[in-house]
Amino acid sequence: MKRTRIAALALATAAAALTPTLVEASAADGSSFLQDPAGGEKEMRSTKDKKYKVEGQVRFHPGVVYTMVPRTGGKGDPDWGGNTPDPKTLAWEPKFEFAWAVSEVALLKKTLSSNGKHPVVLHATLWTADRTKAAEVHSDVKDRPAEGSATLPGGKRIACDTGAYTVEWSVTRSGHGSVGGRLKWNADCEQYRTAFSQSDSR
């Protein structure tokens, strides 16, 4: 995603405590995001009619979470009294991060309508392999800026190891155009169980 306006999609890499015992893993441990188009700093997808060019991009944040539990062991253990991740509580809490840009199309040039407001609809659905809807987000705002970003929580907890999922998304400038795509995600949690096991064995 080139151009400075897409910098709005910068990823927050700090771990976030959701409750005193439930924590969300950080980007550094591999829970970062999946992007459509996949990977890297890619151009946004775009479409246009006679008046507007609509550009859109989505990043899917799987958002692994787990509960911390008291560490077992005796007082001689240097980590005694501390907490350790419980692999049995691993789960996913996905979020959908959108970026959009709406431009006016002129005969010989394109002028970014950066001062205008636009009815922009953001939509994404997370589907299971058998096309069951696992999560869905929808945001219809009539006065969004011509360029911007928004993150919408999926509102659903997804169990680990439940197979392959598909994210289908769209960014629509109502009345003038829509752009969208899809990407694949696997809900496997083995990397986290392995990391927790290695941590406990040290």
N, C-alpha and C. Protein backbone atom coordinates (compact mmCIF):
# COMPACT_ATOMS: atom_id res chain seq x y z
N MET A 1 0.83 -1.18 0.00
CA MET A 1 0.00 0.00 0.00
C MET A 1 0.88 1.24 0.00
N LYS A 2 1.07 1.83 -1.18
CA LYS A 2 1.88 3.03 -1.22
C LYS A 2 1.00 4.23 -0.97
N ARG A 3 1.56 5.42 -1.13
CA ARG A 3 0.92 6.70 -0.89
C ARG A 3 0.75 6.94 0.60
N THR A 4 0.89 8.20 0.97
CA THR A 4 0.92 8.51 2.39
C THR A 4 -0.41 8.26 3.07
N ARG A 5 -1.50 8.31 2.35
CA ARG A 5 -2.78 8.14 3.01
C ARG A 5 -2.97 6.73 3.56
N ILE A 6 -2.23 5.77 3.02
CA ILE A 6 -2.39 4.40 3.50
C ILE A 6 -1.60 4.17 4.77
N ALA A 7 -0.81 5.16 5.18
CA ALA A 7 -0.10 5.04 6.45
C ALA A 7 -1.07 4.92 7.61
N ALA A 8 -2.34 5.27 7.39
CA ALA A 8 -3.35 5.14 8.44
C ALA A 8 -3.55 3.70 8.86
N LEU A 9 -3.05 2.75 8.07
CA LEU A 9 -3.19 1.33 8.41
C LEU A 9 -2.02 0.80 9.22
N ALA A 10 -1.27 1.66 9.89
CA ALA A 10 -0.14 1.20 10.69
C ALA A 10 -0.62 0.25 11.79
N LEU A 11 0.12 -0.83 11.98
CA LEU A 11 -0.30 -1.87 12.93
C LEU A 11 0.18 -1.53 14.34
N ALA A 12 -0.73 -1.62 15.32
CA ALA A 12 -0.33 -1.46 16.72
C ALA A 12 0.30 -2.75 17.18
N THR A 13 1.58 -2.69 17.57
CA THR A 13 2.29 -3.92 17.88
C THR A 13 2.38 -4.22 19.38
N ALA A 14 1.91 -3.32 20.22
CA ALA A 14 2.02 -3.59 21.65
C ALA A 14 0.97 -4.60 22.09
N ALA A 15 1.32 -5.48 23.01
CA ALA A 15 0.35 -6.42 23.56
C ALA A 15 -0.67 -5.65 24.38
N ALA A 16 -1.94 -6.09 24.32
CA ALA A 16 -3.01 -5.40 25.03
C ALA A 16 -3.62 -6.34 26.06
N ALA A 17 -3.75 -5.87 27.29
CA ALA A 17 -4.40 -6.66 28.33
C ALA A 17 -5.90 -6.42 28.24
N LEU A 18 -6.67 -7.49 27.96
CA LEU A 18 -8.12 -7.34 27.82
C LEU A 18 -8.82 -7.40 29.18
N THR A 19 -8.30 -8.22 30.08
CA THR A 19 -8.76 -8.28 31.46
C THR A 19 -7.50 -8.54 32.28
N PRO A 20 -7.60 -8.57 33.61
CA PRO A 20 -6.39 -8.87 34.39
C PRO A 20 -5.72 -10.18 34.02
N THR A 21 -6.48 -11.16 33.47
CA THR A 21 -5.87 -12.45 33.18
C THR A 21 -5.92 -12.82 31.71
N LEU A 22 -6.77 -12.16 30.92
CA LEU A 22 -6.89 -12.48 29.50
C LEU A 22 -6.02 -11.51 28.71
N VAL A 23 -5.11 -12.03 27.92
CA VAL A 23 -4.20 -11.16 27.18
C VAL A 23 -4.29 -11.44 25.70
N GLU A 24 -3.96 -10.43 24.93
CA GLU A 24 -3.94 -10.55 23.48
C GLU A 24 -2.49 -10.56 23.03
N ALA A 25 -2.13 -11.53 22.20
CA ALA A 25 -0.75 -11.63 21.74
C ALA A 25 -0.41 -10.45 20.84
N SER A 26 0.86 -10.11 20.79
CA SER A 26 1.30 -8.97 20.00
C SER A 26 1.71 -9.40 18.60
N ALA A 27 1.89 -8.40 17.73
CA ALA A 27 2.30 -8.69 16.36
C ALA A 27 3.65 -9.40 16.31
N ALA A 28 4.48 -9.14 17.30
CA ALA A 28 5.82 -9.70 17.29
C ALA A 28 5.82 -11.22 17.36
N ASP A 29 4.74 -11.81 17.92
CA ASP A 29 4.75 -13.27 18.04
C ASP A 29 3.99 -13.94 16.91
N GLY A 30 3.71 -13.22 15.84
CA GLY A 30 3.15 -13.85 14.67
C GLY A 30 1.66 -13.67 14.50
N SER A 31 1.01 -12.91 15.37
CA SER A 31 -0.44 -12.74 15.27
C SER A 31 -0.79 -11.46 14.53
N SER A 32 0.07 -10.97 13.71
CA SER A 32 -0.07 -9.66 13.11
C SER A 32 -1.31 -9.53 12.25
N PHE A 33 -1.21 -9.66 10.93
CA PHE A 33 -2.39 -9.51 10.10
C PHE A 33 -2.19 -10.19 8.76
N LEU A 34 -3.29 -10.42 8.08
CA LEU A 34 -3.29 -10.86 6.69
C LEU A 34 -3.86 -9.72 5.88
N GLN A 35 -3.30 -9.51 4.71
CA GLN A 35 -3.68 -8.35 3.91
C GLN A 35 -4.14 -8.77 2.53
N ASP A 36 -5.12 -8.06 2.01
CA ASP A 36 -5.59 -8.28 0.65
C ASP A 36 -5.48 -6.97 -0.12
N PRO A 37 -4.67 -6.92 -1.16
CA PRO A 37 -3.80 -7.94 -1.73
C PRO A 37 -2.76 -8.40 -0.71
N ALA A 38 -2.35 -9.65 -0.82
CA ALA A 38 -1.56 -10.26 0.24
C ALA A 38 -0.16 -9.68 0.33
N GLY A 39 0.21 -9.32 1.55
CA GLY A 39 1.60 -9.04 1.89
C GLY A 39 2.17 -7.75 1.36
N GLY A 40 3.13 -7.23 2.08
CA GLY A 40 3.92 -6.10 1.60
C GLY A 40 3.14 -4.80 1.54
N GLU A 41 3.82 -3.78 1.01
CA GLU A 41 3.19 -2.47 0.85
C GLU A 41 2.60 -2.38 -0.54
N LYS A 42 1.41 -2.93 -0.71
CA LYS A 42 0.79 -3.02 -2.03
C LYS A 42 -0.20 -1.89 -2.26
N GLU A 43 -0.42 -1.60 -3.53
CA GLU A 43 -1.43 -0.65 -3.94
C GLU A 43 -2.82 -1.13 -3.49
N MET A 44 -3.70 -0.19 -3.16
CA MET A 44 -5.07 -0.57 -2.84
C MET A 44 -5.77 -1.04 -4.11
N ARG A 45 -6.75 -1.91 -3.93
CA ARG A 45 -7.62 -2.27 -5.04
C ARG A 45 -8.44 -1.05 -5.42
N SER A 46 -8.83 -0.95 -6.69
CA SER A 46 -9.57 0.24 -7.10
C SER A 46 -10.55 -0.07 -8.21
N THR A 47 -11.56 0.78 -8.30
CA THR A 47 -12.53 0.73 -9.39
C THR A 47 -13.02 2.15 -9.61
N LYS A 48 -13.61 2.43 -10.76
CA LYS A 48 -14.11 3.78 -10.98
C LYS A 48 -15.26 3.77 -11.97
N ASP A 49 -16.13 4.79 -11.81
CA ASP A 49 -17.16 5.04 -12.80
C ASP A 49 -16.81 6.38 -13.46
N LYS A 50 -17.77 7.06 -14.07
CA LYS A 50 -17.48 8.30 -14.78
C LYS A 50 -17.18 9.45 -13.84
N LYS A 51 -17.53 9.32 -12.59
CA LYS A 51 -17.35 10.44 -11.66
C LYS A 51 -16.33 10.18 -10.56
N TYR A 52 -16.31 8.94 -10.02
CA TYR A 52 -15.46 8.68 -8.87
C TYR A 52 -14.57 7.46 -9.09
N LYS A 53 -13.40 7.53 -8.50
CA LYS A 53 -12.54 6.37 -8.35
C LYS A 53 -12.60 5.95 -6.89
N VAL A 54 -12.88 4.68 -6.63
CA VAL A 54 -12.99 4.17 -5.27
C VAL A 54 -11.85 3.19 -5.04
N GLU A 55 -11.10 3.40 -3.97
CA GLU A 55 -10.00 2.51 -3.62
C GLU A 55 -10.23 1.93 -2.23
N GLY A 56 -9.84 0.70 -2.04
CA GLY A 56 -10.05 0.07 -0.74
C GLY A 56 -9.02 -1.00 -0.45
N GLN A 57 -8.85 -1.26 0.82
CA GLN A 57 -7.91 -2.27 1.29
C GLN A 57 -8.40 -2.79 2.63
N VAL A 58 -8.10 -4.06 2.90
CA VAL A 58 -8.43 -4.65 4.20
C VAL A 58 -7.23 -5.39 4.75
N ARG A 59 -7.05 -5.25 6.04
CA ARG A 59 -6.13 -6.10 6.80
C ARG A 59 -6.95 -6.84 7.84
N PHE A 60 -6.77 -8.16 7.85
CA PHE A 60 -7.49 -9.02 8.79
C PHE A 60 -6.56 -9.35 9.94
N HIS A 61 -6.95 -8.99 11.16
CA HIS A 61 -6.17 -9.25 12.36
C HIS A 61 -6.80 -10.43 13.09
N PRO A 62 -6.18 -11.61 13.05
CA PRO A 62 -6.78 -12.77 13.74
C PRO A 62 -6.96 -12.56 15.23
N GLY A 63 -6.00 -11.91 15.90
CA GLY A 63 -6.16 -11.54 17.30
C GLY A 63 -6.22 -12.70 18.27
N VAL A 64 -5.13 -13.46 18.38
CA VAL A 64 -5.13 -14.59 19.31
C VAL A 64 -5.16 -14.08 20.76
N VAL A 65 -5.95 -14.76 21.60
CA VAL A 65 -6.04 -14.41 23.02
C VAL A 65 -5.90 -15.68 23.84
N TYR A 66 -5.52 -15.49 25.10
CA TYR A 66 -5.38 -16.63 26.02
C TYR A 66 -5.40 -16.11 27.44
N THR A 67 -5.61 -17.02 28.38
CA THR A 67 -5.67 -16.67 29.78
C THR A 67 -4.36 -17.02 30.47
N MET A 68 -3.93 -16.15 31.38
CA MET A 68 -2.76 -16.43 32.21
C MET A 68 -3.21 -17.11 33.50
N VAL A 69 -2.50 -18.15 33.89
CA VAL A 69 -2.82 -18.89 35.11
C VAL A 69 -1.57 -18.96 35.98
N PRO A 70 -1.74 -19.18 37.28
CA PRO A 70 -0.57 -19.29 38.17
C PRO A 70 0.34 -20.43 37.74
N ARG A 71 1.63 -20.17 37.78
CA ARG A 71 2.62 -21.18 37.40
C ARG A 71 2.73 -22.24 38.49
N THR A 72 2.76 -23.49 38.07
CA THR A 72 2.91 -24.57 39.03
C THR A 72 4.38 -24.73 39.40
N GLY A 73 4.65 -25.37 40.50
CA GLY A 73 6.03 -25.57 40.94
C GLY A 73 6.19 -25.16 42.39
N GLY A 74 7.33 -25.51 42.95
CA GLY A 74 7.59 -25.19 44.34
C GLY A 74 8.29 -23.86 44.52
N LYS A 75 8.53 -23.50 45.77
CA LYS A 75 9.17 -22.22 46.07
C LYS A 75 10.60 -22.17 45.57
N GLY A 76 11.20 -23.31 45.31
CA GLY A 76 12.55 -23.31 44.78
C GLY A 76 12.62 -22.93 43.31
N ASP A 77 11.49 -22.96 42.63
CA ASP A 77 11.43 -22.60 41.22
C ASP A 77 11.63 -21.08 41.11
N PRO A 78 12.59 -20.62 40.30
CA PRO A 78 12.82 -19.18 40.19
C PRO A 78 11.60 -18.42 39.66
N ASP A 79 10.69 -19.12 38.96
CA ASP A 79 9.49 -18.46 38.44
C ASP A 79 8.27 -18.71 39.32
N TRP A 80 8.49 -19.26 40.51
CA TRP A 80 7.37 -19.58 41.41
C TRP A 80 6.61 -18.30 41.76
N GLY A 81 5.30 -18.40 41.75
CA GLY A 81 4.48 -17.24 42.08
C GLY A 81 4.08 -16.42 40.87
N GLY A 82 4.69 -16.69 39.72
CA GLY A 82 4.34 -15.96 38.52
C GLY A 82 3.19 -16.62 37.76
N ASN A 83 2.87 -16.06 36.61
CA ASN A 83 1.81 -16.60 35.78
C ASN A 83 2.38 -17.16 34.48
N THR A 84 1.63 -18.06 33.88
CA THR A 84 2.03 -18.66 32.62
C THR A 84 0.81 -18.80 31.72
N PRO A 85 0.97 -18.74 30.40
CA PRO A 85 -0.19 -18.90 29.51
C PRO A 85 -0.78 -20.30 29.61
N ASP A 86 -2.09 -20.37 29.55
CA ASP A 86 -2.79 -21.64 29.57
C ASP A 86 -3.18 -22.01 28.14
N PRO A 87 -2.53 -23.00 27.52
CA PRO A 87 -2.83 -23.33 26.12
C PRO A 87 -4.26 -23.78 25.90
N LYS A 88 -4.92 -24.27 26.94
CA LYS A 88 -6.31 -24.72 26.78
C LYS A 88 -7.26 -23.56 26.54
N THR A 89 -6.83 -22.34 26.85
CA THR A 89 -7.72 -21.18 26.71
C THR A 89 -7.45 -20.40 25.41
N LEU A 90 -6.56 -20.88 24.56
CA LEU A 90 -6.27 -20.19 23.30
C LEU A 90 -7.52 -20.03 22.45
N ALA A 91 -7.68 -18.87 21.87
CA ALA A 91 -8.80 -18.61 20.96
C ALA A 91 -8.44 -17.41 20.10
N TRP A 92 -9.31 -17.10 19.15
CA TRP A 92 -9.10 -15.97 18.25
C TRP A 92 -10.22 -14.94 18.44
N GLU A 93 -9.86 -13.66 18.40
CA GLU A 93 -10.85 -12.58 18.43
C GLU A 93 -10.52 -11.62 17.29
N PRO A 94 -11.01 -11.91 16.09
CA PRO A 94 -10.57 -11.16 14.91
C PRO A 94 -11.11 -9.73 14.84
N LYS A 95 -10.35 -8.90 14.12
CA LYS A 95 -10.74 -7.53 13.80
C LYS A 95 -10.47 -7.31 12.31
N PHE A 96 -11.19 -6.36 11.74
CA PHE A 96 -11.06 -6.04 10.33
C PHE A 96 -10.67 -4.56 10.19
N GLU A 97 -9.53 -4.33 9.57
CA GLU A 97 -9.02 -2.97 9.41
C GLU A 97 -9.17 -2.55 7.95
N PHE A 98 -9.93 -1.49 7.73
CA PHE A 98 -10.22 -1.00 6.39
C PHE A 98 -9.47 0.31 6.12
N ALA A 99 -9.06 0.50 4.87
CA ALA A 99 -8.62 1.81 4.39
C ALA A 99 -9.38 2.10 3.10
N TRP A 100 -9.67 3.36 2.87
CA TRP A 100 -10.39 3.73 1.65
C TRP A 100 -9.90 5.10 1.16
N ALA A 101 -10.18 5.35 -0.11
CA ALA A 101 -9.91 6.66 -0.70
C ALA A 101 -10.89 6.85 -1.85
N VAL A 102 -11.50 8.03 -1.90
CA VAL A 102 -12.44 8.38 -2.97
C VAL A 102 -11.90 9.59 -3.70
N SER A 103 -11.79 9.48 -5.02
CA SER A 103 -11.27 10.56 -5.84
C SER A 103 -12.29 10.94 -6.91
N GLU A 104 -12.29 12.21 -7.28
CA GLU A 104 -13.09 12.65 -8.40
C GLU A 104 -12.31 12.43 -9.69
N VAL A 105 -12.98 11.98 -10.71
CA VAL A 105 -12.34 11.71 -11.98
C VAL A 105 -12.68 12.84 -12.95
N ALA A 106 -11.69 13.59 -13.40
CA ALA A 106 -11.89 14.66 -14.37
C ALA A 106 -11.52 14.16 -15.77
N LEU A 107 -11.78 14.95 -16.79
CA LEU A 107 -11.53 14.54 -18.16
C LEU A 107 -10.05 14.26 -18.40
N LEU A 108 -9.18 15.14 -17.94
CA LEU A 108 -7.76 14.99 -18.21
C LEU A 108 -6.94 14.73 -16.95
N LYS A 109 -7.55 14.82 -15.80
CA LYS A 109 -6.78 14.62 -14.58
C LYS A 109 -7.70 14.11 -13.48
N LYS A 110 -7.12 13.57 -12.46
CA LYS A 110 -7.86 13.08 -11.31
C LYS A 110 -7.51 13.96 -10.12
N THR A 111 -8.51 14.51 -9.47
CA THR A 111 -8.29 15.37 -8.32
C THR A 111 -8.82 14.69 -7.08
N LEU A 112 -7.98 14.55 -6.07
CA LEU A 112 -8.43 13.93 -4.83
C LEU A 112 -9.40 14.86 -4.13
N SER A 113 -10.60 14.36 -3.87
CA SER A 113 -11.62 15.19 -3.22
C SER A 113 -11.44 15.14 -1.71
N SER A 114 -10.31 15.64 -1.24
CA SER A 114 -9.91 15.45 0.15
C SER A 114 -10.72 16.29 1.12
N ASN A 115 -11.43 17.30 0.63
CA ASN A 115 -12.21 18.14 1.53
C ASN A 115 -13.67 17.74 1.59
N GLY A 116 -14.07 16.78 0.76
CA GLY A 116 -15.47 16.39 0.72
C GLY A 116 -15.80 15.29 1.71
N LYS A 117 -17.07 15.01 1.84
CA LYS A 117 -17.58 13.91 2.65
C LYS A 117 -18.31 12.94 1.73
N HIS A 118 -18.22 11.66 2.05
CA HIS A 118 -18.76 10.65 1.17
C HIS A 118 -19.48 9.56 1.95
N PRO A 119 -20.56 9.00 1.37
CA PRO A 119 -21.21 7.84 1.98
C PRO A 119 -20.43 6.57 1.65
N VAL A 120 -19.63 6.11 2.59
CA VAL A 120 -18.77 4.96 2.37
C VAL A 120 -19.22 3.81 3.28
N VAL A 121 -19.43 2.65 2.68
CA VAL A 121 -19.87 1.46 3.41
C VAL A 121 -18.72 0.47 3.49
N LEU A 122 -18.42 0.00 4.69
CA LEU A 122 -17.39 -1.00 4.93
C LEU A 122 -18.08 -2.30 5.32
N HIS A 123 -17.68 -3.39 4.69
CA HIS A 123 -18.33 -4.67 4.99
C HIS A 123 -17.32 -5.81 4.86
N ALA A 124 -17.40 -6.75 5.78
CA ALA A 124 -16.57 -7.96 5.69
C ALA A 124 -17.28 -9.11 6.38
N THR A 125 -17.11 -10.30 5.82
CA THR A 125 -17.67 -11.51 6.39
C THR A 125 -16.59 -12.57 6.48
N LEU A 126 -16.55 -13.25 7.60
CA LEU A 126 -15.64 -14.37 7.81
C LEU A 126 -16.45 -15.65 7.67
N TRP A 127 -16.11 -16.46 6.66
CA TRP A 127 -16.84 -17.68 6.35
C TRP A 127 -16.02 -18.91 6.73
N THR A 128 -16.71 -19.94 7.23
CA THR A 128 -16.07 -21.23 7.45
C THR A 128 -15.93 -21.95 6.11
N ALA A 129 -15.26 -23.10 6.13
CA ALA A 129 -15.06 -23.85 4.90
C ALA A 129 -16.38 -24.32 4.29
N ASP A 130 -17.40 -24.54 5.11
CA ASP A 130 -18.70 -24.98 4.58
C ASP A 130 -19.67 -23.82 4.37
N ARG A 131 -19.12 -22.58 4.30
CA ARG A 131 -19.87 -21.37 4.01
C ARG A 131 -20.87 -21.03 5.11
N THR A 132 -20.51 -21.34 6.35
CA THR A 132 -21.25 -20.84 7.50
C THR A 132 -20.63 -19.51 7.92
N LYS A 133 -21.47 -18.55 8.23
CA LYS A 133 -20.98 -17.23 8.62
C LYS A 133 -20.44 -17.29 10.04
N ALA A 134 -19.14 -17.04 10.20
CA ALA A 134 -18.51 -17.08 11.52
C ALA A 134 -18.49 -15.71 12.18
N ALA A 135 -18.37 -14.66 11.40
CA ALA A 135 -18.36 -13.29 11.92
C ALA A 135 -18.66 -12.35 10.77
N GLU A 136 -19.21 -11.18 11.11
CA GLU A 136 -19.54 -10.20 10.08
C GLU A 136 -19.46 -8.80 10.67
N VAL A 137 -18.93 -7.86 9.89
CA VAL A 137 -18.91 -6.46 10.29
C VAL A 137 -19.51 -5.62 9.17
N HIS A 138 -20.17 -4.53 9.55
CA HIS A 138 -20.80 -3.65 8.58
C HIS A 138 -20.85 -2.25 9.18
N SER A 139 -20.39 -1.28 8.43
CA SER A 139 -20.41 0.12 8.88
C SER A 139 -20.80 1.00 7.72
N ASP A 140 -21.94 1.66 7.85
CA ASP A 140 -22.49 2.53 6.80
C ASP A 140 -22.54 3.95 7.34
N VAL A 141 -21.59 4.78 6.90
CA VAL A 141 -21.50 6.17 7.36
C VAL A 141 -21.63 7.09 6.16
N LYS A 142 -22.52 8.08 6.26
CA LYS A 142 -22.81 8.93 5.11
C LYS A 142 -21.83 10.09 4.93
N ASP A 143 -21.04 10.39 5.94
CA ASP A 143 -20.16 11.56 5.83
C ASP A 143 -18.72 11.22 6.22
N ARG A 144 -18.18 10.16 5.62
CA ARG A 144 -16.78 9.84 5.87
C ARG A 144 -15.90 10.80 5.07
N PRO A 145 -14.69 11.05 5.55
CA PRO A 145 -13.74 11.82 4.73
C PRO A 145 -13.37 11.06 3.48
N ALA A 146 -12.82 11.76 2.49
CA ALA A 146 -12.48 11.12 1.22
C ALA A 146 -11.41 10.05 1.38
N GLU A 147 -10.61 10.15 2.39
CA GLU A 147 -9.60 9.13 2.66
C GLU A 147 -9.56 8.87 4.15
N GLY A 148 -9.34 7.61 4.52
CA GLY A 148 -9.29 7.31 5.94
C GLY A 148 -9.19 5.83 6.20
N SER A 149 -9.31 5.47 7.46
CA SER A 149 -9.26 4.07 7.86
C SER A 149 -10.12 3.87 9.09
N ALA A 150 -10.52 2.63 9.31
CA ALA A 150 -11.33 2.28 10.48
C ALA A 150 -11.12 0.80 10.78
N THR A 151 -11.09 0.47 12.06
CA THR A 151 -10.97 -0.92 12.50
C THR A 151 -12.26 -1.33 13.18
N LEU A 152 -12.84 -2.43 12.70
CA LEU A 152 -14.11 -2.92 13.23
C LEU A 152 -13.89 -4.27 13.91
N PRO A 153 -14.26 -4.40 15.18
CA PRO A 153 -14.11 -5.70 15.86
C PRO A 153 -15.09 -6.71 15.31
N GLY A 154 -14.63 -7.96 15.19
CA GLY A 154 -15.49 -9.01 14.66
C GLY A 154 -16.63 -9.37 15.58
N GLY A 155 -16.45 -9.16 16.89
CA GLY A 155 -17.51 -9.43 17.84
C GLY A 155 -17.76 -10.91 18.11
N LYS A 156 -16.90 -11.78 17.61
CA LYS A 156 -17.05 -13.22 17.81
C LYS A 156 -15.72 -13.81 18.23
N ARG A 157 -15.78 -14.81 19.10
CA ARG A 157 -14.58 -15.57 19.43
C ARG A 157 -14.56 -16.83 18.57
N ILE A 158 -13.43 -17.06 17.92
CA ILE A 158 -13.28 -18.21 17.02
C ILE A 158 -12.39 -19.24 17.71
N ALA A 159 -12.86 -20.48 17.78
CA ALA A 159 -12.09 -21.53 18.45
C ALA A 159 -10.86 -21.90 17.63
N CYS A 160 -9.82 -22.30 18.32
CA CYS A 160 -8.60 -22.76 17.66
C CYS A 160 -8.85 -24.03 16.86
N ASP A 161 -8.04 -24.22 15.85
CA ASP A 161 -7.98 -25.48 15.11
C ASP A 161 -9.33 -25.86 14.49
N THR A 162 -10.07 -24.85 14.03
CA THR A 162 -11.37 -25.10 13.42
C THR A 162 -11.29 -24.99 11.90
N GLY A 163 -10.07 -25.07 11.37
CA GLY A 163 -9.93 -25.18 9.93
C GLY A 163 -9.71 -23.89 9.19
N ALA A 164 -9.99 -23.95 7.89
CA ALA A 164 -9.74 -22.83 6.99
C ALA A 164 -10.96 -21.91 6.92
N TYR A 165 -10.68 -20.63 6.86
CA TYR A 165 -11.73 -19.61 6.74
C TYR A 165 -11.43 -18.72 5.54
N THR A 166 -12.46 -18.05 5.07
CA THR A 166 -12.31 -17.08 4.00
C THR A 166 -12.88 -15.74 4.46
N VAL A 167 -12.11 -14.68 4.27
CA VAL A 167 -12.58 -13.32 4.52
C VAL A 167 -13.00 -12.72 3.18
N GLU A 168 -14.24 -12.27 3.09
CA GLU A 168 -14.72 -11.54 1.93
C GLU A 168 -15.05 -10.11 2.37
N TRP A 169 -14.55 -9.12 1.64
CA TRP A 169 -14.70 -7.74 2.09
C TRP A 169 -15.06 -6.82 0.93
N SER A 170 -15.59 -5.66 1.28
CA SER A 170 -15.88 -4.66 0.28
C SER A 170 -15.84 -3.27 0.89
N VAL A 171 -15.45 -2.30 0.06
CA VAL A 171 -15.52 -0.88 0.38
C VAL A 171 -16.35 -0.26 -0.73
N THR A 172 -17.45 0.40 -0.36
CA THR A 172 -18.39 0.93 -1.35
C THR A 172 -18.60 2.42 -1.14
N ARG A 173 -18.44 3.18 -2.21
CA ARG A 173 -18.87 4.58 -2.21
C ARG A 173 -20.28 4.55 -2.79
N SER A 174 -21.28 4.67 -1.90
CA SER A 174 -22.66 4.44 -2.29
C SER A 174 -23.03 5.25 -3.55
N GLY A 175 -23.59 4.55 -4.51
CA GLY A 175 -24.04 5.18 -5.73
C GLY A 175 -23.00 5.30 -6.82
N HIS A 176 -21.73 5.00 -6.52
CA HIS A 176 -20.69 5.23 -7.52
C HIS A 176 -19.70 4.10 -7.71
N GLY A 177 -19.56 3.20 -6.79
CA GLY A 177 -18.62 2.12 -7.03
C GLY A 177 -18.30 1.32 -5.79
N SER A 178 -17.84 0.10 -6.01
CA SER A 178 -17.49 -0.79 -4.91
C SER A 178 -16.25 -1.58 -5.30
N VAL A 179 -15.39 -1.80 -4.35
CA VAL A 179 -14.18 -2.59 -4.56
C VAL A 179 -14.08 -3.58 -3.41
N GLY A 180 -13.57 -4.77 -3.69
CA GLY A 180 -13.48 -5.76 -2.63
C GLY A 180 -12.59 -6.92 -3.03
N GLY A 181 -12.57 -7.91 -2.19
CA GLY A 181 -11.73 -9.07 -2.46
C GLY A 181 -11.94 -10.14 -1.41
N ARG A 182 -11.02 -11.09 -1.39
CA ARG A 182 -11.09 -12.17 -0.42
C ARG A 182 -9.69 -12.62 -0.06
N LEU A 183 -9.55 -13.22 1.10
CA LEU A 183 -8.28 -13.80 1.53
C LEU A 183 -8.56 -14.99 2.41
N LYS A 184 -7.57 -15.87 2.51
CA LYS A 184 -7.71 -17.10 3.28
C LYS A 184 -7.02 -16.98 4.63
N TRP A 185 -7.56 -17.68 5.63
CA TRP A 185 -6.97 -17.72 6.96
C TRP A 185 -7.19 -19.10 7.55
N ASN A 186 -6.18 -19.59 8.29
CA ASN A 186 -6.28 -20.88 8.96
C ASN A 186 -6.25 -20.66 10.47
N ALA A 187 -7.21 -21.24 11.18
CA ALA A 187 -7.36 -21.01 12.61
C ALA A 187 -6.47 -21.91 13.46
N ASP A 188 -5.45 -22.49 12.89
CA ASP A 188 -4.53 -23.35 13.61
C ASP A 188 -3.79 -22.57 14.70
N CYS A 189 -3.66 -23.14 15.88
CA CYS A 189 -2.99 -22.49 17.01
C CYS A 189 -1.71 -23.21 17.44
N GLU A 190 -1.23 -24.13 16.64
CA GLU A 190 -0.10 -24.96 17.04
C GLU A 190 1.13 -24.14 17.38
N GLN A 191 1.36 -23.06 16.64
CA GLN A 191 2.57 -22.25 16.91
C GLN A 191 2.54 -21.68 18.32
N TYR A 192 1.37 -21.35 18.84
CA TYR A 192 1.28 -20.80 20.18
C TYR A 192 1.43 -21.88 21.24
N ARG A 193 0.82 -23.03 21.00
CA ARG A 193 1.01 -24.13 21.95
C ARG A 193 2.47 -24.52 22.03
N THR A 194 3.16 -24.54 20.89
CA THR A 194 4.59 -24.87 20.88
C THR A 194 5.38 -23.82 21.64
N ALA A 195 5.06 -22.54 21.41
CA ALA A 195 5.77 -21.47 22.10
C ALA A 195 5.54 -21.54 23.61
N PHE A 196 4.31 -21.83 24.03
CA PHE A 196 4.03 -21.93 25.46
C PHE A 196 4.78 -23.11 26.08
N SER A 197 4.83 -24.21 25.36
CA SER A 197 5.53 -25.39 25.86
C SER A 197 7.01 -25.14 26.02
N GLN A 198 7.60 -24.45 25.04
CA GLN A 198 9.01 -24.13 25.11
C GLN A 198 9.31 -23.18 26.23
N SER A 199 8.38 -22.23 26.47
CA SER A 199 8.56 -21.26 27.55
C SER A 199 8.53 -21.96 28.91
N ASP A 200 7.60 -22.91 29.07
CA ASP A 200 7.49 -23.61 30.35
C ASP A 200 8.66 -24.54 30.61
N SER A 201 9.32 -25.00 29.53
CA SER A 201 10.41 -25.95 29.70
C SER A 201 11.73 -25.28 30.03
N ARG A 202 11.77 -23.93 29.90
CA ARG A 202 13.02 -23.24 30.18
C ARG A 202 13.21 -23.06 31.68
